Amino acid sequence: MAIVNTVTGPVDSSELGRTLIHEHLYITFEGSQYDIIMPFDKEAFVRDAVNRLKAIKEHGVITFVDPCPIDLGRDVSLMREVAEKAEMNIVCATGFYWEKYGLPLYWRYKSAEQIAELYIHEIEKGIENTGIKAGVIKVATGEPIISDAEVPFVQAAAMASKATGVPIVTHTELGCCGPDQQKIFADFGADKHRCMIGHSCGNPDPAYHKEIVDNGTYIGFDRIGYETMQPDELRADNVVKLLDGGYKNQLMMAQDRFCHLRGMHILGKIMEMSKEEVDAAERAMRDGTFGMPFTDIFTEFFPKLRARGVSDADIKHIMDVNPGRFFSGAPF
């Protein structure tokens, strides 16, 4: 077993229990802190976030991993407040987002070694002056290739994981570049079993999934419910293929959802939403009804798995056992 940093203090990996490996409480974009027209209603956010976490506690969730990158509005003090009120483990991350929507200019011109130094500091000493330590390292890359700007950040994550033993959770855009991430991790000394290639369910090809697991890392089916990218029926089919292939020990699942996004106009632009749709989403954010609940994986997706013959024991292994092994550093 190993000690895992949560925003409320250290927890033994054996006590993590049922874990959602990749979700978010609050995200925003660089520059939002200057917006006086649309201020952030902290009290409403905390109330909504606590309610959402209490709902997943009813499905047995004990630990919520929020790998929000530094440059996507990470606020670990806010995470701690929610964790305390919801009485849930929340694991926060060090690391940066991918080039198109992140990577602040200041850090783009740092070396991988200098970036790794920051990551190690946030793991071992704490984040800013909060005393809160990162429990996971975030990597994010775009598509169709890992960009030159992103490479040193991937290298730095591997260096920091090697130095601290803290695992890596990744973002892959549209389920590509997972093997490229794996190669950099291996080249820079990260243990394979301390890496999870995230959003792999964004790729519909089971051959891609097999390549990921055959390369020896965890695989994240952690965008359950993103039906506009891939239908959940196909995700469920591909989960079954992984289980039938003997890869139960390497699979983790979540949804990559968030309670609150400050900057809905940006998401609206990306998703080609109308002004009316953006305004409606902003209102829903304020009244706590935005988006799909974190409970959907339990109420909507797991029944799809059971209909395909996946046992409750297998689901329990994926959700309750594998995250603890991942954080403990136990090899496959």
C-alpha atoms as a PDB file:
ATOM      1  CA  MET A   1       0.000   0.000   0.000  1.00  0.00           C
ATOM      2  CA  ALA A   2       1.006   3.646  -0.418  1.00  0.00           C
ATOM      3  CA  ILE A   3       0.041   7.029   0.937  1.00  0.00           C
ATOM      4  CA  VAL A   4      -2.099   9.103  -1.441  1.00  0.00           C
ATOM      5  CA  ASN A   5      -2.314  12.881  -1.178  1.00  0.00           C
ATOM      6  CA  THR A   6      -5.898  14.156  -1.069  1.00  0.00           C
ATOM      7  CA  VAL A   7      -6.967  17.760  -0.631  1.00  0.00           C
ATOM      8  CA  THR A   8      -7.910  17.012   2.979  1.00  0.00           C
ATOM      9  CA  GLY A   9      -4.736  15.111   3.801  1.00  0.00           C
ATOM     10  CA  PRO A  10      -2.984  11.780   3.257  1.00  0.00           C
ATOM     11  CA  VAL A  11      -4.995   8.571   2.818  1.00  0.00           C
ATOM     12  CA  ASP A  12      -3.752   5.015   2.489  1.00  0.00           C
ATOM     13  CA  SER A  13      -4.355   3.640  -0.997  1.00  0.00           C
ATOM     14  CA  SER A  14      -6.189   0.689   0.569  1.00  0.00           C
ATOM     15  CA  GLU A  15      -8.843   3.136   1.820  1.00  0.00           C
ATOM     16  CA  LEU A  16      -9.673   4.797  -1.513  1.00  0.00           C
ATOM     17  CA  GLY A  17     -12.511   2.385  -2.256  1.00  0.00           C
ATOM     18  CA  ARG A  18     -14.865   3.036  -5.135  1.00  0.00           C
ATOM     19  CA  THR A  19     -13.220   5.727  -7.233  1.00  0.00           C
ATOM     20  CA  LEU A  20     -14.180   7.906 -10.166  1.00  0.00           C
ATOM     21  CA  ILE A  21     -10.743   8.294 -11.747  1.00  0.00           C
ATOM     22  CA  HIS A  22     -11.351  11.367 -13.920  1.00  0.00           C
ATOM     23  CA  GLU A  23     -14.014  13.957 -13.098  1.00  0.00           C
ATOM     24  CA  HIS A  24     -14.012  17.696 -12.423  1.00  0.00           C
ATOM     25  CA  LEU A  25     -15.632  20.097  -9.994  1.00  0.00           C
ATOM     26  CA  TYR A  26     -14.784  23.465 -11.552  1.00  0.00           C
ATOM     27  CA  ILE A  27     -12.968  24.461 -14.718  1.00  0.00           C
ATOM     28  CA  THR A  28     -12.320  27.752 -16.448  1.00  0.00           C
ATOM     29  CA  PHE A  29      -9.860  29.334 -18.837  1.00  0.00           C
ATOM     30  CA  GLU A  30      -6.982  31.751 -18.413  1.00  0.00           C
ATOM     31  CA  GLY A  31      -8.328  35.300 -18.186  1.00  0.00           C
ATOM     32  CA  SER A  32     -11.617  34.521 -16.467  1.00  0.00           C
ATOM     33  CA  GLN A  33     -10.276  36.004 -13.240  1.00  0.00           C
ATOM     34  CA  TYR A  34     -10.569  39.463 -14.832  1.00  0.00           C
ATOM     35  CA  ASP A  35     -14.256  39.108 -15.775  1.00  0.00           C
ATOM     36  CA  ILE A  36     -16.312  41.534 -13.673  1.00  0.00           C
ATOM     37  CA  ILE A  37     -19.423  41.140 -15.846  1.00  0.00           C
ATOM     38  CA  MET A  38     -19.970  37.491 -14.981  1.00  0.00           C
ATOM     39  CA  PRO A  39     -18.554  36.934 -11.482  1.00  0.00           C
ATOM     40  CA  PHE A  40     -18.241  33.480  -9.964  1.00  0.00           C
ATOM     41  CA  ASP A  41     -20.922  32.615  -7.401  1.00  0.00           C
ATOM     42  CA  LYS A  42     -18.841  30.525  -5.031  1.00  0.00           C
ATOM     43  CA  GLU A  43     -21.625  29.722  -2.567  1.00  0.00           C
ATOM     44  CA  ALA A  44     -23.923  28.411  -5.290  1.00  0.00           C
ATOM     45  CA  PHE A  45     -21.100  26.359  -6.772  1.00  0.00           C
ATOM     46  CA  VAL A  46     -20.158  24.750  -3.462  1.00  0.00           C
ATOM     47  CA  ARG A  47     -23.785  23.899  -2.722  1.00  0.00           C
ATOM     48  CA  ASP A  48     -24.226  22.286  -6.158  1.00  0.00           C
ATOM     49  CA  ALA A  49     -20.917  20.412  -6.024  1.00  0.00           C
ATOM     50  CA  VAL A  50     -21.626  19.012  -2.566  1.00  0.00           C
ATOM     51  CA  ASN A  51     -25.070  17.840  -3.673  1.00  0.00           C
ATOM     52  CA  ARG A  52     -23.598  16.099  -6.720  1.00  0.00           C
ATOM     53  CA  LEU A  53     -20.944  14.347  -4.646  1.00  0.00           C
ATOM     54  CA  LYS A  54     -23.488  13.242  -2.073  1.00  0.00           C
ATOM     55  CA  ALA A  55     -25.470  11.671  -4.920  1.00  0.00           C
ATOM     56  CA  ILE A  56     -22.534   9.516  -6.020  1.00  0.00           C
ATOM     57  CA  LYS A  57     -21.852   8.538  -2.409  1.00  0.00           C
ATOM     58  CA  GLU A  58     -25.194   6.741  -2.571  1.00  0.00           C
ATOM     59  CA  HIS A  59     -23.594   4.564  -5.274  1.00  0.00           C
ATOM     60  CA  GLY A  60     -20.654   3.765  -3.024  1.00  0.00           C
ATOM     61  CA  VAL A  61     -18.146   6.330  -4.288  1.00  0.00           C
ATOM     62  CA  ILE A  62     -15.506   7.198  -1.710  1.00  0.00           C
ATOM     63  CA  THR A  63     -12.863   8.925  -3.839  1.00  0.00           C
ATOM     64  CA  PHE A  64     -13.190  11.527  -6.600  1.00  0.00           C
ATOM     65  CA  VAL A  65     -10.094  12.216  -8.698  1.00  0.00           C
ATOM     66  CA  ASP A  66     -10.160  15.731 -10.153  1.00  0.00           C
ATOM     67  CA  PRO A  67      -7.146  16.013 -12.477  1.00  0.00           C
ATOM     68  CA  CYS A  68      -7.884  19.640 -13.327  1.00  0.00           C
ATOM     69  CA  PRO A  69      -4.668  21.065 -14.772  1.00  0.00           C
ATOM     70  CA  ILE A  70      -3.048  24.167 -13.347  1.00  0.00           C
ATOM     71  CA  ASP A  71      -4.076  26.277 -16.349  1.00  0.00           C
ATOM     72  CA  LEU A  72      -7.726  25.188 -16.450  1.00  0.00           C
ATOM     73  CA  GLY A  73      -8.731  27.025 -13.308  1.00  0.00           C
ATOM     74  CA  ARG A  74      -7.429  24.572 -10.709  1.00  0.00           C
ATOM     75  CA  ASP A  75      -8.489  25.818  -7.275  1.00  0.00           C
ATOM     76  CA  VAL A  76      -7.410  23.354  -4.620  1.00  0.00           C
ATOM     77  CA  SER A  77      -8.791  25.415  -1.731  1.00  0.00           C
ATOM     78  CA  LEU A  78     -12.203  25.233  -3.359  1.00  0.00           C
ATOM     79  CA  MET A  79     -11.761  21.481  -3.788  1.00  0.00           C
ATOM     80  CA  ARG A  80     -10.918  21.152  -0.102  1.00  0.00           C
ATOM     81  CA  GLU A  81     -14.025  23.057   0.956  1.00  0.00           C
ATOM     82  CA  VAL A  82     -16.215  20.782  -1.174  1.00  0.00           C
ATOM     83  CA  ALA A  83     -14.420  17.655   0.050  1.00  0.00           C
ATOM     84  CA  GLU A  84     -14.927  18.600   3.684  1.00  0.00           C
ATOM     85  CA  LYS A  85     -18.613  19.385   3.263  1.00  0.00           C
ATOM     86  CA  ALA A  86     -19.316  16.301   1.143  1.00  0.00           C
ATOM     87  CA  GLU A  87     -17.075  14.088   3.306  1.00  0.00           C
ATOM     88  CA  MET A  88     -15.357  12.607   0.265  1.00  0.00           C
ATOM     89  CA  ASN A  89     -11.742  12.041  -0.730  1.00  0.00           C
ATOM     90  CA  ILE A  90     -10.772  14.391  -3.560  1.00  0.00           C
ATOM     91  CA  VAL A  91      -7.408  13.932  -5.261  1.00  0.00           C
ATOM     92  CA  CYS A  92      -6.052  16.962  -7.115  1.00  0.00           C
ATOM     93  CA  ALA A  93      -3.373  17.148  -9.795  1.00  0.00           C
ATOM     94  CA  THR A  94      -0.270  18.953 -10.862  1.00  0.00           C
ATOM     95  CA  GLY A  95       0.317  19.402 -14.578  1.00  0.00           C
ATOM     96  CA  PHE A  96      -0.792  21.522 -17.526  1.00  0.00           C
ATOM     97  CA  TYR A  97      -3.397  21.255 -20.284  1.00  0.00           C
ATOM     98  CA  TRP A  98      -2.771  20.782 -24.007  1.00  0.00           C
ATOM     99  CA  GLU A  99      -1.507  23.422 -26.394  1.00  0.00           C
ATOM    100  CA  LYS A 100      -4.736  24.575 -28.052  1.00  0.00           C
ATOM    101  CA  TYR A 101      -6.438  25.576 -24.793  1.00  0.00           C
ATOM    102  CA  GLY A 102      -3.597  25.769 -22.299  1.00  0.00           C
ATOM    103  CA  LEU A 103       0.173  25.803 -21.744  1.00  0.00           C
ATOM    104  CA  PRO A 104       0.765  29.351 -20.457  1.00  0.00           C
ATOM    105  CA  LEU A 105       3.437  31.238 -22.366  1.00  0.00           C
ATOM    106  CA  TYR A 106       5.649  31.491 -19.276  1.00  0.00           C
ATOM    107  CA  TRP A 107       5.949  27.700 -19.037  1.00  0.00           C
ATOM    108  CA  ARG A 108       6.235  26.999 -22.764  1.00  0.00           C
ATOM    109  CA  TYR A 109       9.797  28.250 -22.678  1.00  0.00           C
ATOM    110  CA  LYS A 110      10.848  26.226 -19.642  1.00  0.00           C
ATOM    111  CA  SER A 111      12.782  22.989 -19.999  1.00  0.00           C
ATOM    112  CA  ALA A 112      11.286  19.616 -19.131  1.00  0.00           C
ATOM    113  CA  GLU A 113      13.556  19.532 -16.078  1.00  0.00           C
ATOM    114  CA  GLN A 114      12.257  22.903 -14.868  1.00  0.00           C
ATOM    115  CA  ILE A 115       8.641  21.847 -15.392  1.00  0.00           C
ATOM    116  CA  ALA A 116       9.305  18.599 -13.515  1.00  0.00           C
ATOM    117  CA  GLU A 117      10.727  20.622 -10.631  1.00  0.00           C
ATOM    118  CA  LEU A 118       7.383  22.418 -10.297  1.00  0.00           C
ATOM    119  CA  TYR A 119       5.465  19.142 -10.402  1.00  0.00           C
ATOM    120  CA  ILE A 120       7.676  17.561  -7.753  1.00  0.00           C
ATOM    121  CA  HIS A 121       7.337  20.626  -5.530  1.00  0.00           C
ATOM    122  CA  GLU A 122       3.532  20.502  -5.733  1.00  0.00           C
ATOM    123  CA  ILE A 123       3.596  16.804  -4.839  1.00  0.00           C
ATOM    124  CA  GLU A 124       6.125  16.929  -2.018  1.00  0.00           C
ATOM    125  CA  LYS A 125       5.810  20.464  -0.598  1.00  0.00           C
ATOM    126  CA  GLY A 126       2.361  21.597  -1.621  1.00  0.00           C
ATOM    127  CA  ILE A 127       0.504  23.884  -4.007  1.00  0.00           C
ATOM    128  CA  GLU A 128       1.175  27.580  -3.521  1.00  0.00           C
ATOM    129  CA  ASN A 129       0.592  28.378   0.155  1.00  0.00           C
ATOM    130  CA  THR A 130      -2.336  26.010   0.738  1.00  0.00           C
ATOM    131  CA  GLY A 131      -0.476  23.059   2.226  1.00  0.00           C
ATOM    132  CA  ILE A 132      -2.457  20.852  -0.178  1.00  0.00           C
ATOM    133  CA  LYS A 133      -0.342  18.335  -2.097  1.00  0.00           C
ATOM    134  CA  ALA A 134      -1.029  16.958  -5.563  1.00  0.00           C
ATOM    135  CA  GLY A 135      -1.855  13.251  -5.619  1.00  0.00           C
ATOM    136  CA  VAL A 136      -1.722  12.684  -9.357  1.00  0.00           C
ATOM    137  CA  ILE A 137       0.100  14.134 -12.378  1.00  0.00           C
ATOM    138  CA  LYS A 138      -1.934  15.390 -15.342  1.00  0.00           C
ATOM    139  CA  VAL A 139      -0.750  15.119 -18.946  1.00  0.00           C
ATOM    140  CA  ALA A 140      -2.752  16.442 -21.890  1.00  0.00           C
ATOM    141  CA  THR A 141      -1.992  16.229 -25.589  1.00  0.00           C
ATOM    142  CA  GLY A 142      -3.866  17.209 -28.735  1.00  0.00           C
ATOM    143  CA  GLU A 143      -4.339  15.573 -32.098  1.00  0.00           C
ATOM    144  CA  PRO A 144      -3.336  14.260 -34.577  1.00  0.00           C
ATOM    145  CA  ILE A 145       0.155  14.277 -33.003  1.00  0.00           C
ATOM    146  CA  ILE A 146       1.766  15.427 -29.775  1.00  0.00           C
ATOM    147  CA  SER A 147       2.910  18.955 -30.585  1.00  0.00           C
ATOM    148  CA  ASP A 148       6.447  20.216 -30.079  1.00  0.00           C
ATOM    149  CA  ALA A 149       5.146  22.512 -27.340  1.00  0.00           C
ATOM    150  CA  GLU A 150       3.494  19.605 -25.507  1.00  0.00           C
ATOM    151  CA  VAL A 151       6.464  17.209 -25.579  1.00  0.00           C
ATOM    152  CA  PRO A 152       8.443  18.704 -22.654  1.00  0.00           C
ATOM    153  CA  PHE A 153       5.342  18.634 -20.461  1.00  0.00           C
ATOM    154  CA  VAL A 154       4.887  14.917 -21.144  1.00  0.00           C
ATOM    155  CA  GLN A 155       8.579  14.349 -20.436  1.00  0.00           C
ATOM    156  CA  ALA A 156       8.316  16.346 -17.203  1.00  0.00           C
ATOM    157  CA  ALA A 157       5.400  14.237 -16.010  1.00  0.00           C
ATOM    158  CA  ALA A 158       7.436  11.066 -16.493  1.00  0.00           C
ATOM    159  CA  MET A 159      10.379  12.586 -14.617  1.00  0.00           C
ATOM    160  CA  ALA A 160       8.154  13.659 -11.733  1.00  0.00           C
ATOM    161  CA  SER A 161       6.448  10.275 -11.525  1.00  0.00           C
ATOM    162  CA  LYS A 162       9.807   8.521 -11.500  1.00  0.00           C
ATOM    163  CA  ALA A 163      11.039  10.815  -8.716  1.00  0.00           C
ATOM    164  CA  THR A 164       7.939  10.629  -6.502  1.00  0.00           C
ATOM    165  CA  GLY A 165       6.046   7.458  -7.396  1.00  0.00           C
ATOM    166  CA  VAL A 166       2.902   9.513  -8.006  1.00  0.00           C
ATOM    167  CA  PRO A 167       0.877   8.191 -10.960  1.00  0.00           C
ATOM    168  CA  ILE A 168       0.006   9.908 -14.234  1.00  0.00           C
ATOM    169  CA  VAL A 169      -3.488  10.407 -15.663  1.00  0.00           C
ATOM    170  CA  THR A 170      -3.682  11.625 -19.247  1.00  0.00           C
ATOM    171  CA  HIS A 171      -5.989  13.445 -21.609  1.00  0.00           C
ATOM    172  CA  THR A 172      -5.909  12.274 -25.208  1.00  0.00           C
ATOM    173  CA  GLU A 173      -7.837  14.281 -27.756  1.00  0.00           C
ATOM    174  CA  LEU A 174     -10.292  12.139 -29.731  1.00  0.00           C
ATOM    175  CA  GLY A 175      -8.590   9.020 -28.393  1.00  0.00           C
ATOM    176  CA  CYS A 176      -5.331   9.377 -30.265  1.00  0.00           C
ATOM    177  CA  CYS A 177      -1.619   9.577 -29.383  1.00  0.00           C
ATOM    178  CA  GLY A 178      -1.867   7.157 -26.464  1.00  0.00           C
ATOM    179  CA  PRO A 179       1.040   5.026 -27.726  1.00  0.00           C
ATOM    180  CA  ASP A 180       3.061   8.203 -28.275  1.00  0.00           C
ATOM    181  CA  GLN A 181       2.447   9.231 -24.671  1.00  0.00           C
ATOM    182  CA  GLN A 182       3.473   5.745 -23.542  1.00  0.00           C
ATOM    183  CA  LYS A 183       6.751   5.921 -25.459  1.00  0.00           C
ATOM    184  CA  ILE A 184       7.724   9.226 -23.854  1.00  0.00           C
ATOM    185  CA  PHE A 185       6.802   7.914 -20.411  1.00  0.00           C
ATOM    186  CA  ALA A 186       8.986   4.844 -20.959  1.00  0.00           C
ATOM    187  CA  ASP A 187      11.870   6.876 -22.386  1.00  0.00           C
ATOM    188  CA  PHE A 188      11.880   9.156 -19.340  1.00  0.00           C
ATOM    189  CA  GLY A 189      11.598   6.499 -16.670  1.00  0.00           C
ATOM    190  CA  ALA A 190       7.960   6.373 -15.592  1.00  0.00           C
ATOM    191  CA  ASP A 191       6.700   2.965 -14.481  1.00  0.00           C
ATOM    192  CA  LYS A 192       4.101   1.645 -16.916  1.00  0.00           C
ATOM    193  CA  HIS A 193       1.764   0.596 -14.126  1.00  0.00           C
ATOM    194  CA  ARG A 194       1.770   4.166 -12.788  1.00  0.00           C
ATOM    195  CA  CYS A 195       0.297   5.556 -16.032  1.00  0.00           C
ATOM    196  CA  MET A 196      -3.291   5.644 -17.289  1.00  0.00           C
ATOM    197  CA  ILE A 197      -3.941   6.632 -20.896  1.00  0.00           C
ATOM    198  CA  GLY A 198      -7.162   8.565 -20.586  1.00  0.00           C
ATOM    199  CA  HIS A 199     -10.130   9.136 -22.900  1.00  0.00           C
ATOM    200  CA  SER A 200      -9.180   6.026 -24.856  1.00  0.00           C
ATOM    201  CA  CYS A 201     -12.884   5.321 -25.347  1.00  0.00           C
ATOM    202  CA  GLY A 202     -12.880   8.312 -27.689  1.00  0.00           C
ATOM    203  CA  ASN A 203     -11.288   5.963 -30.201  1.00  0.00           C
ATOM    204  CA  PRO A 204     -13.755   3.372 -31.541  1.00  0.00           C
ATOM    205  CA  ASP A 205     -11.073   0.909 -32.671  1.00  0.00           C
ATOM    206  CA  PRO A 206     -10.539  -2.095 -30.357  1.00  0.00           C
ATOM    207  CA  ALA A 207      -7.117  -2.600 -31.959  1.00  0.00           C
ATOM    208  CA  TYR A 208      -6.084   0.786 -30.533  1.00  0.00           C
ATOM    209  CA  HIS A 209      -7.297  -0.238 -27.083  1.00  0.00           C
ATOM    210  CA  LYS A 210      -5.394  -3.513 -27.318  1.00  0.00           C
ATOM    211  CA  GLU A 211      -2.214  -1.665 -28.266  1.00  0.00           C
ATOM    212  CA  ILE A 212      -2.570   0.539 -25.188  1.00  0.00           C
ATOM    213  CA  VAL A 213      -3.000  -2.335 -22.748  1.00  0.00           C
ATOM    214  CA  ASP A 214      -0.399  -4.528 -24.461  1.00  0.00           C
ATOM    215  CA  ASN A 215       2.070  -1.686 -23.947  1.00  0.00           C
ATOM    216  CA  GLY A 216       1.576  -2.218 -20.228  1.00  0.00           C
ATOM    217  CA  THR A 217      -0.288   0.799 -18.847  1.00  0.00           C
ATOM    218  CA  TYR A 218      -3.787   1.302 -17.536  1.00  0.00           C
ATOM    219  CA  ILE A 219      -6.430   2.350 -20.035  1.00  0.00           C
ATOM    220  CA  GLY A 220      -9.080   4.924 -19.194  1.00  0.00           C
ATOM    221  CA  PHE A 221     -12.610   4.596 -20.493  1.00  0.00           C
ATOM    222  CA  ASP A 222     -13.282   7.874 -18.750  1.00  0.00           C
ATOM    223  CA  ARG A 223     -15.581   9.784 -21.060  1.00  0.00           C
ATOM    224  CA  ILE A 224     -18.647   7.660 -20.518  1.00  0.00           C
ATOM    225  CA  GLY A 225     -21.687   9.576 -21.741  1.00  0.00           C
ATOM    226  CA  TYR A 226     -19.918  11.652 -24.392  1.00  0.00           C
ATOM    227  CA  GLU A 227     -22.348  10.374 -26.991  1.00  0.00           C
ATOM    228  CA  THR A 228     -21.421  13.024 -29.574  1.00  0.00           C
ATOM    229  CA  MET A 229     -17.908  11.552 -29.710  1.00  0.00           C
ATOM    230  CA  GLN A 230     -18.720   7.848 -29.551  1.00  0.00           C
ATOM    231  CA  PRO A 231     -21.991   6.122 -28.608  1.00  0.00           C
ATOM    232  CA  ASP A 232     -22.024   4.430 -25.226  1.00  0.00           C
ATOM    233  CA  GLU A 233     -23.300   1.255 -26.856  1.00  0.00           C
ATOM    234  CA  LEU A 234     -19.956   1.049 -28.672  1.00  0.00           C
ATOM    235  CA  ARG A 235     -18.063   1.912 -25.481  1.00  0.00           C
ATOM    236  CA  ALA A 236     -19.846  -0.948 -23.744  1.00  0.00           C
ATOM    237  CA  ASP A 237     -18.967  -3.325 -26.580  1.00  0.00           C
ATOM    238  CA  ASN A 238     -15.324  -2.323 -26.299  1.00  0.00           C
ATOM    239  CA  VAL A 239     -15.299  -2.769 -22.516  1.00  0.00           C
ATOM    240  CA  VAL A 240     -16.497  -6.334 -23.070  1.00  0.00           C
ATOM    241  CA  LYS A 241     -13.718  -6.932 -25.598  1.00  0.00           C
ATOM    242  CA  LEU A 242     -11.110  -5.779 -23.090  1.00  0.00           C
ATOM    243  CA  LEU A 243     -12.551  -7.998 -20.379  1.00  0.00           C
ATOM    244  CA  ASP A 244     -12.766 -10.978 -22.725  1.00  0.00           C
ATOM    245  CA  GLY A 245      -9.144 -10.331 -23.686  1.00  0.00           C
ATOM    246  CA  GLY A 246      -8.018 -10.673 -20.074  1.00  0.00           C
ATOM    247  CA  TYR A 247      -7.340  -6.981 -19.386  1.00  0.00           C
ATOM    248  CA  LYS A 248      -9.626  -6.495 -16.380  1.00  0.00           C
ATOM    249  CA  ASN A 249      -6.733  -5.385 -14.178  1.00  0.00           C
ATOM    250  CA  GLN A 250      -5.827  -2.510 -16.515  1.00  0.00           C
ATOM    251  CA  LEU A 251      -9.204  -0.830 -17.034  1.00  0.00           C
ATOM    252  CA  MET A 252     -10.596   2.170 -15.163  1.00  0.00           C
ATOM    253  CA  MET A 253     -13.760   4.134 -15.885  1.00  0.00           C
ATOM    254  CA  ALA A 254     -15.231   7.585 -15.301  1.00  0.00           C
ATOM    255  CA  GLN A 255     -17.050  10.353 -17.199  1.00  0.00           C
ATOM    256  CA  ASP A 256     -14.885  13.525 -17.337  1.00  0.00           C
ATOM    257  CA  ARG A 257     -17.823  15.674 -16.247  1.00  0.00           C
ATOM    258  CA  PHE A 258     -17.823  18.931 -14.332  1.00  0.00           C
ATOM    259  CA  CYS A 259     -20.157  20.757 -11.990  1.00  0.00           C
ATOM    260  CA  HIS A 260     -19.311  24.232 -13.231  1.00  0.00           C
ATOM    261  CA  LEU A 261     -17.613  25.756 -16.258  1.00  0.00           C
ATOM    262  CA  ARG A 262     -16.810  29.437 -16.106  1.00  0.00           C
ATOM    263  CA  GLY A 263     -16.567  30.342 -19.770  1.00  0.00           C
ATOM    264  CA  MET A 264     -19.537  28.673 -21.381  1.00  0.00           C
ATOM    265  CA  HIS A 265     -19.178  31.066 -24.330  1.00  0.00           C
ATOM    266  CA  ILE A 266     -15.894  29.316 -25.171  1.00  0.00           C
ATOM    267  CA  LEU A 267     -17.458  25.862 -25.033  1.00  0.00           C
ATOM    268  CA  GLY A 268     -20.340  27.245 -27.063  1.00  0.00           C
ATOM    269  CA  LYS A 269     -17.922  28.347 -29.760  1.00  0.00           C
ATOM    270  CA  ILE A 270     -16.173  24.972 -29.783  1.00  0.00           C
ATOM    271  CA  MET A 271     -19.467  23.070 -29.961  1.00  0.00           C
ATOM    272  CA  GLU A 272     -21.167  25.538 -32.337  1.00  0.00           C
ATOM    273  CA  MET A 273     -23.935  26.318 -29.858  1.00  0.00           C
ATOM    274  CA  SER A 274     -26.396  29.153 -30.464  1.00  0.00           C
ATOM    275  CA  LYS A 275     -26.460  32.190 -28.170  1.00  0.00           C
ATOM    276  CA  GLU A 276     -29.750  30.931 -26.769  1.00  0.00           C
ATOM    277  CA  GLU A 277     -28.180  27.555 -25.958  1.00  0.00           C
ATOM    278  CA  VAL A 278     -25.195  29.224 -24.290  1.00  0.00           C
ATOM    279  CA  ASP A 279     -27.479  31.490 -22.236  1.00  0.00           C
ATOM    280  CA  ALA A 280     -29.577  28.493 -21.170  1.00  0.00           C
ATOM    281  CA  ALA A 281     -26.447  26.611 -20.117  1.00  0.00           C
ATOM    282  CA  GLU A 282     -25.280  29.614 -18.081  1.00  0.00           C
ATOM    283  CA  ARG A 283     -28.654  29.729 -16.290  1.00  0.00           C
ATOM    284  CA  ALA A 284     -28.511  26.003 -15.600  1.00  0.00           C
ATOM    285  CA  MET A 285     -25.019  26.446 -14.184  1.00  0.00           C
ATOM    286  CA  ARG A 286     -26.287  29.079 -11.782  1.00  0.00           C
ATOM    287  CA  ASP A 287     -29.264  27.044 -10.563  1.00  0.00           C
ATOM    288  CA  GLY A 288     -27.370  23.742 -10.269  1.00  0.00           C
ATOM    289  CA  THR A 289     -29.099  21.861 -13.077  1.00  0.00           C
ATOM    290  CA  PHE A 290     -26.330  22.032 -15.673  1.00  0.00           C
ATOM    291  CA  GLY A 291     -25.282  18.953 -17.584  1.00  0.00           C
ATOM    292  CA  MET A 292     -25.622  15.307 -16.777  1.00  0.00           C
ATOM    293  CA  PRO A 293     -25.198  14.025 -13.210  1.00  0.00           C
ATOM    294  CA  PHE A 294     -22.137  12.128 -12.043  1.00  0.00           C
ATOM    295  CA  THR A 295     -24.476   9.244 -11.235  1.00  0.00           C
ATOM    296  CA  ASP A 296     -25.092   8.392 -14.903  1.00  0.00           C
ATOM    297  CA  ILE A 297     -22.251   5.881 -15.057  1.00  0.00           C
ATOM    298  CA  PHE A 298     -24.075   3.835 -12.411  1.00  0.00           C
ATOM    299  CA  THR A 299     -27.642   4.300 -13.609  1.00  0.00           C
ATOM    300  CA  GLU A 300     -27.166   4.393 -17.393  1.00  0.00           C
ATOM    301  CA  PHE A 301     -23.861   2.781 -18.392  1.00  0.00           C
ATOM    302  CA  PHE A 302     -23.461  -0.127 -15.993  1.00  0.00           C
ATOM    303  CA  PRO A 303     -26.843  -1.573 -17.055  1.00  0.00           C
ATOM    304  CA  LYS A 304     -25.469  -1.646 -20.609  1.00  0.00           C
ATOM    305  CA  LEU A 305     -22.500  -3.664 -19.348  1.00  0.00           C
ATOM    306  CA  ARG A 306     -24.714  -6.041 -17.381  1.00  0.00           C
ATOM    307  CA  ALA A 307     -26.884  -6.577 -20.469  1.00  0.00           C
ATOM    308  CA  ARG A 308     -23.712  -7.757 -22.218  1.00  0.00           C
ATOM    309  CA  GLY A 309     -22.903 -10.256 -19.488  1.00  0.00           C
ATOM    310  CA  VAL A 310     -20.467  -8.191 -17.433  1.00  0.00           C
ATOM    311  CA  SER A 311     -20.766  -9.270 -13.809  1.00  0.00           C
ATOM    312  CA  ASP A 312     -21.126  -7.015 -10.799  1.00  0.00           C
ATOM    313  CA  ALA A 313     -17.868  -8.542  -9.572  1.00  0.00           C
ATOM    314  CA  ASP A 314     -16.093  -7.290 -12.693  1.00  0.00           C
ATOM    315  CA  ILE A 315     -17.595  -3.819 -12.302  1.00  0.00           C
ATOM    316  CA  LYS A 316     -16.522  -3.769  -8.667  1.00  0.00           C
ATOM    317  CA  HIS A 317     -12.989  -4.777  -9.661  1.00  0.00           C
ATOM    318  CA  ILE A 318     -12.757  -1.964 -12.211  1.00  0.00           C
ATOM    319  CA  MET A 319     -14.212   0.708  -9.912  1.00  0.00           C
ATOM    320  CA  ASP A 320     -13.089  -0.399  -6.444  1.00  0.00           C
ATOM    321  CA  VAL A 321      -9.902  -2.427  -6.859  1.00  0.00           C
ATOM    322  CA  ASN A 322      -8.003  -1.048  -9.838  1.00  0.00           C
ATOM    323  CA  PRO A 323      -7.799   2.589  -8.664  1.00  0.00           C
ATOM    324  CA  GLY A 324      -6.326   1.494  -5.337  1.00  0.00           C
ATOM    325  CA  ARG A 325      -3.747  -0.660  -7.109  1.00  0.00           C
ATOM    326  CA  PHE A 326      -2.964   2.224  -9.476  1.00  0.00           C
ATOM    327  CA  PHE A 327      -2.266   4.607  -6.613  1.00  0.00           C
ATOM    328  CA  SER A 328      -0.376   1.990  -4.607  1.00  0.00           C
ATOM    329  CA  GLY A 329       2.059   1.381  -7.460  1.00  0.00           C
ATOM    330  CA  ALA A 330       1.335  -2.339  -7.477  1.00  0.00           C
ATOM    331  CA  PRO A 331       2.483  -3.963 -10.735  1.00  0.00           C
ATOM    332  CA  PHE A 332       0.014  -5.937 -12.843  1.00  0.00           C
END
